[in-house]
PDB file of N, CA and C in Angstrom:
ATOM      1  N   GLN A   1       9.557 -34.917 -33.197  1.00  0.00           N
ATOM      2  CA  GLN A   1       9.635 -35.572 -31.906  1.00  0.00           C
ATOM      3  C   GLN A   1       8.684 -36.763 -31.865  1.00  0.00           C
ATOM      4  N   ALA A   2       7.557 -36.643 -32.543  1.00  0.00           N
ATOM      5  CA  ALA A   2       6.594 -37.741 -32.559  1.00  0.00           C
ATOM      6  C   ALA A   2       7.190 -38.992 -33.192  1.00  0.00           C
ATOM      7  N   LEU A   3       8.039 -38.826 -34.204  1.00  0.00           N
ATOM      8  CA  LEU A   3       8.672 -39.982 -34.845  1.00  0.00           C
ATOM      9  C   LEU A   3       9.596 -40.725 -33.898  1.00  0.00           C
ATOM     10  N   SER A   4      10.235 -40.001 -32.991  1.00  0.00           N
ATOM     11  CA  SER A   4      11.204 -40.641 -32.103  1.00  0.00           C
ATOM     12  C   SER A   4      10.558 -41.186 -30.833  1.00  0.00           C
ATOM     13  N   ASP A   5       9.267 -40.931 -30.612  1.00  0.00           N
ATOM     14  CA  ASP A   5       8.583 -41.476 -29.437  1.00  0.00           C
ATOM     15  C   ASP A   5       8.595 -42.996 -29.492  1.00  0.00           C
ATOM     16  N   GLY A   6       8.887 -43.621 -28.380  1.00  0.00           N
ATOM     17  CA  GLY A   6       8.929 -45.067 -28.318  1.00  0.00           C
ATOM     18  C   GLY A   6      10.230 -45.666 -28.811  1.00  0.00           C
ATOM     19  N   MET A   7      11.160 -44.838 -29.223  1.00  0.00           N
ATOM     20  CA  MET A   7      12.454 -45.316 -29.691  1.00  0.00           C
ATOM     21  C   MET A   7      13.518 -44.900 -28.686  1.00  0.00           C
ATOM     22  N   ASP A   8      14.707 -45.396 -28.857  1.00  0.00           N
ATOM     23  CA  ASP A   8      15.810 -45.055 -27.963  1.00  0.00           C
ATOM     24  C   ASP A   8      16.472 -43.752 -28.373  1.00  0.00           C
ATOM     25  N   ILE A   9      15.693 -42.819 -28.865  1.00  0.00           N
ATOM     26  CA  ILE A   9      16.234 -41.536 -29.304  1.00  0.00           C
ATOM     27  C   ILE A   9      15.595 -40.447 -28.461  1.00  0.00           C
ATOM     28  N   ALA A  10      16.411 -39.689 -27.775  1.00  0.00           N
ATOM     29  CA  ALA A  10      15.926 -38.539 -27.018  1.00  0.00           C
ATOM     30  C   ALA A  10      16.662 -37.319 -27.554  1.00  0.00           C
ATOM     31  N   LEU A  11      15.915 -36.403 -28.132  1.00  0.00           N
ATOM     32  CA  LEU A  11      16.528 -35.226 -28.729  1.00  0.00           C
ATOM     33  C   LEU A  11      16.360 -34.021 -27.817  1.00  0.00           C
ATOM     34  N   THR A  12      17.379 -33.198 -27.788  1.00  0.00           N
ATOM     35  CA  THR A  12      17.294 -31.939 -27.058  1.00  0.00           C
ATOM     36  C   THR A  12      16.515 -30.938 -27.912  1.00  0.00           C
ATOM     37  N   ASP A  13      16.135 -29.821 -27.314  1.00  0.00           N
ATOM     38  CA  ASP A  13      15.434 -28.784 -28.078  1.00  0.00           C
ATOM     39  C   ASP A  13      16.280 -28.309 -29.252  1.00  0.00           C
ATOM     40  N   HIS A  14      17.575 -28.152 -29.014  1.00  0.00           N
ATOM     41  CA  HIS A  14      18.478 -27.715 -30.084  1.00  0.00           C
ATOM     42  C   HIS A  14      18.502 -28.737 -31.222  1.00  0.00           C
ATOM     43  N   GLU A  15      18.556 -30.020 -30.876  1.00  0.00           N
ATOM     44  CA  GLU A  15      18.584 -31.063 -31.901  1.00  0.00           C
ATOM     45  C   GLU A  15      17.270 -31.103 -32.688  1.00  0.00           C
ATOM     46  N   ILE A  16      16.160 -30.877 -32.007  1.00  0.00           N
ATOM     47  CA  ILE A  16      14.866 -30.834 -32.697  1.00  0.00           C
ATOM     48  C   ILE A  16      14.846 -29.688 -33.700  1.00  0.00           C
ATOM     49  N   ARG A  17      15.360 -28.528 -33.285  1.00  0.00           N
ATOM     50  CA  ARG A  17      15.421 -27.386 -34.206  1.00  0.00           C
ATOM     51  C   ARG A  17      16.332 -27.700 -35.394  1.00  0.00           C
ATOM     52  N   THR A  18      17.432 -28.416 -35.151  1.00  0.00           N
ATOM     53  CA  THR A  18      18.346 -28.806 -36.230  1.00  0.00           C
ATOM     54  C   THR A  18      17.645 -29.732 -37.218  1.00  0.00           C
ATOM     55  N   VAL A  19      16.912 -30.717 -36.700  1.00  0.00           N
ATOM     56  CA  VAL A  19      16.170 -31.644 -37.564  1.00  0.00           C
ATOM     57  C   VAL A  19      15.152 -30.880 -38.400  1.00  0.00           C
ATOM     58  N   LEU A  20      14.402 -29.985 -37.766  1.00  0.00           N
ATOM     59  CA  LEU A  20      13.396 -29.210 -38.500  1.00  0.00           C
ATOM     60  C   LEU A  20      14.033 -28.349 -39.581  1.00  0.00           C
ATOM     61  N   ALA A  21      15.188 -27.763 -39.272  1.00  0.00           N
ATOM     62  CA  ALA A  21      15.885 -26.935 -40.266  1.00  0.00           C
ATOM     63  C   ALA A  21      16.335 -27.784 -41.448  1.00  0.00           C
ATOM     64  N   ARG A  22      16.834 -28.988 -41.171  1.00  0.00           N
ATOM     65  CA  ARG A  22      17.278 -29.869 -42.264  1.00  0.00           C
ATOM     66  C   ARG A  22      16.101 -30.344 -43.107  1.00  0.00           C
ATOM     67  N   LEU A  23      14.973 -30.605 -42.455  1.00  0.00           N
ATOM     68  CA  LEU A  23      13.778 -30.992 -43.204  1.00  0.00           C
ATOM     69  C   LEU A  23      13.320 -29.845 -44.098  1.00  0.00           C
ATOM     70  N   GLU A  24      13.397 -28.647 -43.571  1.00  0.00           N
ATOM     71  CA  GLU A  24      13.000 -27.466 -44.336  1.00  0.00           C
ATOM     72  C   GLU A  24      13.928 -27.225 -45.523  1.00  0.00           C
ATOM     73  N   ASP A  25      15.188 -27.643 -45.396  1.00  0.00           N
ATOM     74  CA  ASP A  25      16.171 -27.442 -46.463  1.00  0.00           C
ATOM     75  C   ASP A  25      15.994 -28.396 -47.648  1.00  0.00           C
ATOM     76  N   ILE A  26      15.178 -29.430 -47.482  1.00  0.00           N
ATOM     77  CA  ILE A  26      14.962 -30.377 -48.579  1.00  0.00           C
ATOM     78  C   ILE A  26      14.193 -29.649 -49.685  1.00  0.00           C
ATOM     79  N   PRO A  27      14.743 -29.628 -50.900  1.00  0.00           N
ATOM     80  CA  PRO A  27      14.066 -28.939 -52.005  1.00  0.00           C
ATOM     81  C   PRO A  27      12.661 -29.496 -52.231  1.00  0.00           C
ATOM     82  N   GLU A  28      11.749 -28.615 -52.572  1.00  0.00           N
ATOM     83  CA  GLU A  28      10.355 -29.012 -52.743  1.00  0.00           C
ATOM     84  C   GLU A  28      10.183 -30.092 -53.809  1.00  0.00           C
ATOM     85  N   ASP A  29      11.005 -30.060 -54.853  1.00  0.00           N
ATOM     86  CA  ASP A  29      10.869 -31.058 -55.917  1.00  0.00           C
ATOM     87  C   ASP A  29      11.334 -32.448 -55.482  1.00  0.00           C
ATOM     88  N   GLN A  30      12.001 -32.548 -54.334  1.00  0.00           N
ATOM     89  CA  GLN A  30      12.459 -33.846 -53.831  1.00  0.00           C
ATOM     90  C   GLN A  30      11.503 -34.418 -52.786  1.00  0.00           C
ATOM     91  N   ARG A  31      10.454 -33.697 -52.488  1.00  0.00           N
ATOM     92  CA  ARG A  31       9.470 -34.171 -51.512  1.00  0.00           C
ATOM     93  C   ARG A  31       8.376 -34.944 -52.240  1.00  0.00           C
ATOM     94  N   THR A  32       7.780 -35.898 -51.548  1.00  0.00           N
ATOM     95  CA  THR A  32       6.667 -36.634 -52.142  1.00  0.00           C
ATOM     96  C   THR A  32       5.430 -35.746 -52.119  1.00  0.00           C
ATOM     97  N   GLU A  33       4.360 -36.200 -52.764  1.00  0.00           N
ATOM     98  CA  GLU A  33       3.124 -35.410 -52.789  1.00  0.00           C
ATOM     99  C   GLU A  33       2.595 -35.149 -51.388  1.00  0.00           C
ATOM    100  N   SER A  34       2.819 -36.092 -50.487  1.00  0.00           N
ATOM    101  CA  SER A  34       2.304 -35.948 -49.125  1.00  0.00           C
ATOM    102  C   SER A  34       3.312 -35.299 -48.184  1.00  0.00           C
ATOM    103  N   GLY A  35       4.419 -34.829 -48.716  1.00  0.00           N
ATOM    104  CA  GLY A  35       5.428 -34.174 -47.876  1.00  0.00           C
ATOM    105  C   GLY A  35       6.720 -34.959 -47.847  1.00  0.00           C
ATOM    106  N   ILE A  36       7.314 -35.046 -46.691  1.00  0.00           N
ATOM    107  CA  ILE A  36       8.594 -35.735 -46.514  1.00  0.00           C
ATOM    108  C   ILE A  36       8.315 -37.104 -45.914  1.00  0.00           C
ATOM    109  N   SER A  37       8.928 -38.131 -46.472  1.00  0.00           N
ATOM    110  CA  SER A  37       8.674 -39.485 -45.973  1.00  0.00           C
ATOM    111  C   SER A  37       9.223 -39.652 -44.562  1.00  0.00           C
ATOM    112  N   SER A  38       8.614 -40.568 -43.822  1.00  0.00           N
ATOM    113  CA  SER A  38       9.079 -40.821 -42.457  1.00  0.00           C
ATOM    114  C   SER A  38      10.483 -41.411 -42.473  1.00  0.00           C
ATOM    115  N   GLY A  39      10.826 -42.141 -43.540  1.00  0.00           N
ATOM    116  CA  GLY A  39      12.174 -42.699 -43.653  1.00  0.00           C
ATOM    117  C   GLY A  39      13.234 -41.623 -43.739  1.00  0.00           C
ATOM    118  N   VAL A  40      12.954 -40.588 -44.537  1.00  0.00           N
ATOM    119  CA  VAL A  40      13.892 -39.469 -44.660  1.00  0.00           C
ATOM    120  C   VAL A  40      13.993 -38.737 -43.327  1.00  0.00           C
ATOM    121  N   ALA A  41      12.848 -38.520 -42.688  1.00  0.00           N
ATOM    122  CA  ALA A  41      12.848 -37.834 -41.395  1.00  0.00           C
ATOM    123  C   ALA A  41      13.642 -38.623 -40.358  1.00  0.00           C
ATOM    124  N   MET A  42      13.457 -39.948 -40.310  1.00  0.00           N
ATOM    125  CA  MET A  42      14.184 -40.776 -39.341  1.00  0.00           C
ATOM    126  C   MET A  42      15.677 -40.786 -39.645  1.00  0.00           C
ATOM    127  N   GLU A  43      16.043 -40.772 -40.916  1.00  0.00           N
ATOM    128  CA  GLU A  43      17.462 -40.717 -41.283  1.00  0.00           C
ATOM    129  C   GLU A  43      18.098 -39.430 -40.751  1.00  0.00           C
ATOM    130  N   ILE A  44      17.390 -38.319 -40.892  1.00  0.00           N
ATOM    131  CA  ILE A  44      17.905 -37.044 -40.383  1.00  0.00           C
ATOM    132  C   ILE A  44      17.983 -37.071 -38.862  1.00  0.00           C
ATOM    133  N   ILE A  45      16.944 -37.598 -38.207  1.00  0.00           N
ATOM    134  CA  ILE A  45      16.941 -37.690 -36.741  1.00  0.00           C
ATOM    135  C   ILE A  45      18.112 -38.542 -36.269  1.00  0.00           C
ATOM    136  N   ASN A  46      18.317 -39.692 -36.895  1.00  0.00           N
ATOM    137  CA  ASN A  46      19.433 -40.562 -36.506  1.00  0.00           C
ATOM    138  C   ASN A  46      20.768 -39.871 -36.708  1.00  0.00           C
ATOM    139  N   ASN A  47      20.915 -39.156 -37.821  1.00  0.00           N
ATOM    140  CA  ASN A  47      22.166 -38.453 -38.103  1.00  0.00           C
ATOM    141  C   ASN A  47      22.444 -37.392 -37.048  1.00  0.00           C
ATOM    142  N   VAL A  48      21.415 -36.629 -36.691  1.00  0.00           N
ATOM    143  CA  VAL A  48      21.583 -35.572 -35.684  1.00  0.00           C
ATOM    144  C   VAL A  48      21.938 -36.182 -34.331  1.00  0.00           C
ATOM    145  N   SER A  49      21.259 -37.260 -33.946  1.00  0.00           N
ATOM    146  CA  SER A  49      21.536 -37.853 -32.632  1.00  0.00           C
ATOM    147  C   SER A  49      22.900 -38.537 -32.589  1.00  0.00           C
ATOM    148  N   GLU A  50      23.372 -39.089 -33.713  1.00  0.00           N
ATOM    149  CA  GLU A  50      24.682 -39.738 -33.748  1.00  0.00           C
ATOM    150  C   GLU A  50      25.827 -38.731 -33.728  1.00  0.00           C
ATOM    151  N   ASN A  51      25.572 -37.536 -34.199  1.00  0.00           N
ATOM    152  CA  ASN A  51      26.621 -36.516 -34.276  1.00  0.00           C
ATOM    153  C   ASN A  51      26.523 -35.499 -33.151  1.00  0.00           C
ATOM    154  N   ARG A  52      26.069 -35.953 -32.015  1.00  0.00           N
ATOM    155  CA  ARG A  52      25.933 -35.090 -30.846  1.00  0.00           C
ATOM    156  C   ARG A  52      27.271 -34.546 -30.408  1.00  0.00           C
ATOM    157  N   GLN A  53      27.249 -33.309 -29.987  1.00  0.00           N
ATOM    158  CA  GLN A  53      28.452 -32.711 -29.428  1.00  0.00           C
ATOM    159  C   GLN A  53      28.305 -32.663 -27.913  1.00  0.00           C
ATOM    160  N   VAL A  54      29.379 -32.947 -27.235  1.00  0.00           N
ATOM    161  CA  VAL A  54      29.375 -32.935 -25.781  1.00  0.00           C
ATOM    162  C   VAL A  54      30.296 -31.823 -25.313  1.00  0.00           C
ATOM    163  N   THR A  55      29.812 -31.023 -24.385  1.00  0.00           N
ATOM    164  CA  THR A  55      30.618 -29.944 -23.840  1.00  0.00           C
ATOM    165  C   THR A  55      31.290 -30.425 -22.560  1.00  0.00           C
ATOM    166  N   VAL A  56      32.596 -30.259 -22.503  1.00  0.00           N
ATOM    167  CA  VAL A  56      33.375 -30.678 -21.339  1.00  0.00           C
ATOM    168  C   VAL A  56      34.164 -29.472 -20.846  1.00  0.00           C
ATOM    169  N   PRO A  57      34.135 -29.211 -19.535  1.00  0.00           N
ATOM    170  CA  PRO A  57      34.937 -28.102 -19.012  1.00  0.00           C
ATOM    171  C   PRO A  57      36.416 -28.301 -19.353  1.00  0.00           C
ATOM    172  N   ALA A  58      37.097 -27.218 -19.683  1.00  0.00           N
ATOM    173  CA  ALA A  58      38.501 -27.275 -20.108  1.00  0.00           C
ATOM    174  C   ALA A  58      39.388 -27.915 -19.047  1.00  0.00           C
ATOM    175  N   GLU A  59      39.144 -27.609 -17.780  1.00  0.00           N
ATOM    176  CA  GLU A  59      39.969 -28.186 -16.705  1.00  0.00           C
ATOM    177  C   GLU A  59      39.831 -29.704 -16.659  1.00  0.00           C
ATOM    178  N   LEU A  60      38.618 -30.202 -16.817  1.00  0.00           N
ATOM    179  CA  LEU A  60      38.399 -31.646 -16.805  1.00  0.00           C
ATOM    180  C   LEU A  60      39.078 -32.299 -18.002  1.00  0.00           C
ATOM    181  N   LEU A  61      38.949 -31.683 -19.161  1.00  0.00           N
ATOM    182  CA  LEU A  61      39.587 -32.215 -20.363  1.00  0.00           C
ATOM    183  C   LEU A  61      41.104 -32.240 -20.205  1.00  0.00           C
ATOM    184  N   ALA A  62      41.681 -31.162 -19.677  1.00  0.00           N
ATOM    185  CA  ALA A  62      43.134 -31.100 -19.464  1.00  0.00           C
ATOM    186  C   ALA A  62      43.580 -32.189 -18.497  1.00  0.00           C
ATOM    187  N   SER A  63      42.793 -32.414 -17.457  1.00  0.00           N
ATOM    188  CA  SER A  63      43.123 -33.451 -16.476  1.00  0.00           C
ATOM    189  C   SER A  63      43.107 -34.833 -17.123  1.00  0.00           C
ATOM    190  N   ARG A  64      42.115 -35.108 -17.957  1.00  0.00           N
ATOM    191  CA  ARG A  64      42.013 -36.416 -18.619  1.00  0.00           C
ATOM    192  C   ARG A  64      43.141 -36.613 -19.631  1.00  0.00           C
ATOM    193  N   ILE A  65      43.513 -35.562 -20.320  1.00  0.00           N
ATOM    194  CA  ILE A  65      44.633 -35.647 -21.266  1.00  0.00           C
ATOM    195  C   ILE A  65      45.920 -35.951 -20.518  1.00  0.00           C
ATOM    196  N   GLN A  66      46.129 -35.282 -19.393  1.00  0.00           N
ATOM    197  CA  GLN A  66      47.334 -35.511 -18.595  1.00  0.00           C
ATOM    198  C   GLN A  66      47.369 -36.950 -18.085  1.00  0.00           C
ATOM    199  N   THR A  67      46.240 -37.468 -17.632  1.00  0.00           N
ATOM    200  CA  THR A  67      46.172 -38.851 -17.154  1.00  0.00           C
ATOM    201  C   THR A  67      46.500 -39.828 -18.285  1.00  0.00           C
ATOM    202  N   ALA A  68      45.973 -39.565 -19.478  1.00  0.00           N
ATOM    203  CA  ALA A  68      46.252 -40.431 -20.627  1.00  0.00           C
ATOM    204  C   ALA A  68      47.728 -40.379 -21.003  1.00  0.00           C
ATOM    205  N   GLU A  69      48.321 -39.182 -20.971  1.00  0.00           N
ATOM    206  CA  GLU A  69      49.747 -39.049 -21.282  1.00  0.00           C
ATOM    207  C   GLU A  69      50.594 -39.821 -20.279  1.00  0.00           C
ATOM    208  N   GLN A  70      50.253 -39.720 -19.003  1.00  0.00           N
ATOM    209  CA  GLN A  70      51.003 -40.435 -17.968  1.00  0.00           C
ATOM    210  C   GLN A  70      50.900 -41.941 -18.163  1.00  0.00           C
ATOM    211  N   ALA A  71      49.733 -42.411 -18.561  1.00  0.00           N
ATOM    212  CA  ALA A  71      49.557 -43.844 -18.808  1.00  0.00           C
ATOM    213  C   ALA A  71      50.429 -44.298 -19.972  1.00  0.00           C
ATOM    214  N   LEU A  72      50.581 -43.452 -20.982  1.00  0.00           N
ATOM    215  CA  LEU A  72      51.435 -43.795 -22.121  1.00  0.00           C
ATOM    216  C   LEU A  72      52.908 -43.795 -21.737  1.00  0.00           C
ATOM    217  N   TRP A  73      53.313 -42.877 -20.859  1.00  0.00           N
ATOM    218  CA  TRP A  73      54.716 -42.806 -20.435  1.00  0.00           C
ATOM    219  C   TRP A  73      55.131 -44.059 -19.678  1.00  0.00           C
ATOM    220  N   LYS A  74      54.205 -44.665 -18.953  1.00  0.00           N
ATOM    221  CA  LYS A  74      54.511 -45.849 -18.145  1.00  0.00           C
ATOM    222  C   LYS A  74      54.713 -47.087 -18.998  1.00  0.00           C
ATOM    223  N   ARG A  75      54.359 -47.026 -20.252  1.00  0.00           N
ATOM    224  CA  ARG A  75      54.489 -48.202 -21.128  1.00  0.00           C
ATOM    225  C   ARG A  75      55.894 -48.448 -21.464  1.00  0.00           C
TER     226      ARG A  75
END
């Protein structure tokens, strides 16, 4: 979270746990002597934030699909 401070990245608790898990998955032989580089950490943070999943209620999704279908029929 400290790496993303001051940037346009806001991570949820779940996303922070995902980033930490991915950092932990990096094999020890691929880490530098001082640990994991900030570049690698930022790459993982960016990847997690770009691949965010959004939960939408089924009724709202069905309504939007129906509206899109109707717009296509009018063409």
